[in-house]
Amino acid sequence: MTPPGNALPEVESPCIGACLVDHGHGFCVGCWRTLREISDWHRYSPQEKHALLAQLEGRRATHSTVH
C-alpha cells in the first residue's frame, strides 16, 4: 500500500528475535534498541523510526565486537 502525498511508508521493526538486553550498554544485542525504544516503537512516526534506524547503525558499529 502506498501512503498518500509525501508520507513515508510504514517501517518494519528492526527486531530479529534475538532479544537480550546487555546491561553494560543498555541495548538489545539483537536490534540495538533500548527497552524504551522497543516498547515505544509502535508509537513512533515513520520519520522517527527512520531516524532511530540510522542511530542503530552507529550503535551496532560502536558496540559490536568480533569474536
Protein backbone atom coordinates (compact mmCIF):
# COMPACT_ATOMS: atom_id res chain seq x y z
CA MET A 1 0.00 0.00 0.00
CA THR A 2 1.40 3.39 -0.98
CA PRO A 3 0.92 6.22 1.50
CA PRO A 4 -0.80 9.39 0.29
CA GLY A 5 1.19 12.52 -0.57
CA ASN A 6 4.70 12.77 0.81
CA ALA A 7 4.14 10.41 3.72
CA LEU A 8 6.80 7.77 4.28
CA PRO A 9 5.74 4.13 4.10
CA GLU A 10 5.43 2.20 7.34
CA VAL A 11 8.77 0.99 8.70
CA GLU A 12 9.20 -2.58 9.90
CA SER A 13 10.61 -3.24 13.35
CA PRO A 14 14.35 -3.99 13.42
CA CYS A 15 13.68 -6.88 15.81
CA ILE A 16 15.40 -10.09 14.69
CA GLY A 17 14.07 -12.24 17.53
CA ALA A 18 17.39 -12.34 19.42
CA CYS A 19 16.07 -10.39 22.40
CA LEU A 20 18.64 -9.92 25.14
CA VAL A 21 19.49 -6.61 26.76
CA ASP A 22 23.15 -6.15 27.59
CA HIS A 23 23.00 -4.21 30.84
CA GLY A 24 26.55 -2.96 30.26
CA HIS A 25 25.41 -0.67 27.45
CA GLY A 26 21.63 -0.96 27.82
CA PHE A 27 20.86 -2.09 24.27
CA CYS A 28 19.24 -5.26 22.96
CA VAL A 29 22.02 -7.28 21.33
CA GLY A 30 19.64 -8.30 18.53
CA CYS A 31 18.24 -4.96 17.37
CA TRP A 32 20.36 -2.42 19.32
CA ARG A 33 17.34 -0.59 20.75
CA THR A 34 16.80 0.35 24.38
CA LEU A 35 13.87 -1.13 26.26
CA ARG A 36 12.09 2.23 25.93
CA GLU A 37 12.63 2.30 22.16
CA ILE A 38 11.36 -1.26 21.86
CA SER A 39 8.22 -0.55 23.87
CA ASP A 40 7.55 2.78 22.11
CA TRP A 41 8.25 1.59 18.54
CA HIS A 42 4.54 1.33 17.65
CA ARG A 43 4.03 4.98 18.70
CA TYR A 44 6.82 6.41 16.54
CA SER A 45 6.06 8.14 13.26
CA PRO A 46 7.77 6.80 10.12
CA GLN A 47 10.20 9.74 10.33
CA GLU A 48 11.08 8.87 13.94
CA LYS A 49 11.55 5.22 13.00
CA HIS A 50 13.90 6.11 10.14
CA ALA A 51 15.89 8.40 12.45
CA LEU A 52 16.18 5.63 15.05
CA LEU A 53 17.24 3.08 12.43
CA ALA A 54 20.10 5.43 11.48
CA GLN A 55 21.14 5.62 15.16
CA LEU A 56 21.05 1.83 15.44
CA GLU A 57 23.70 1.50 12.73
CA GLY A 58 26.02 3.69 14.81
CA ARG A 59 25.32 1.70 17.97
CA ARG A 60 25.98 -1.56 16.18
CA ALA A 61 29.30 -0.26 14.85
CA THR A 62 30.33 1.16 18.23
CA HIS A 63 29.28 -1.71 20.48
CA SER A 64 29.67 -4.82 18.33
CA THR A 65 32.72 -6.93 18.90
CA VAL A 66 34.23 -9.51 16.61
CA HIS A 67 34.87 -12.82 18.34
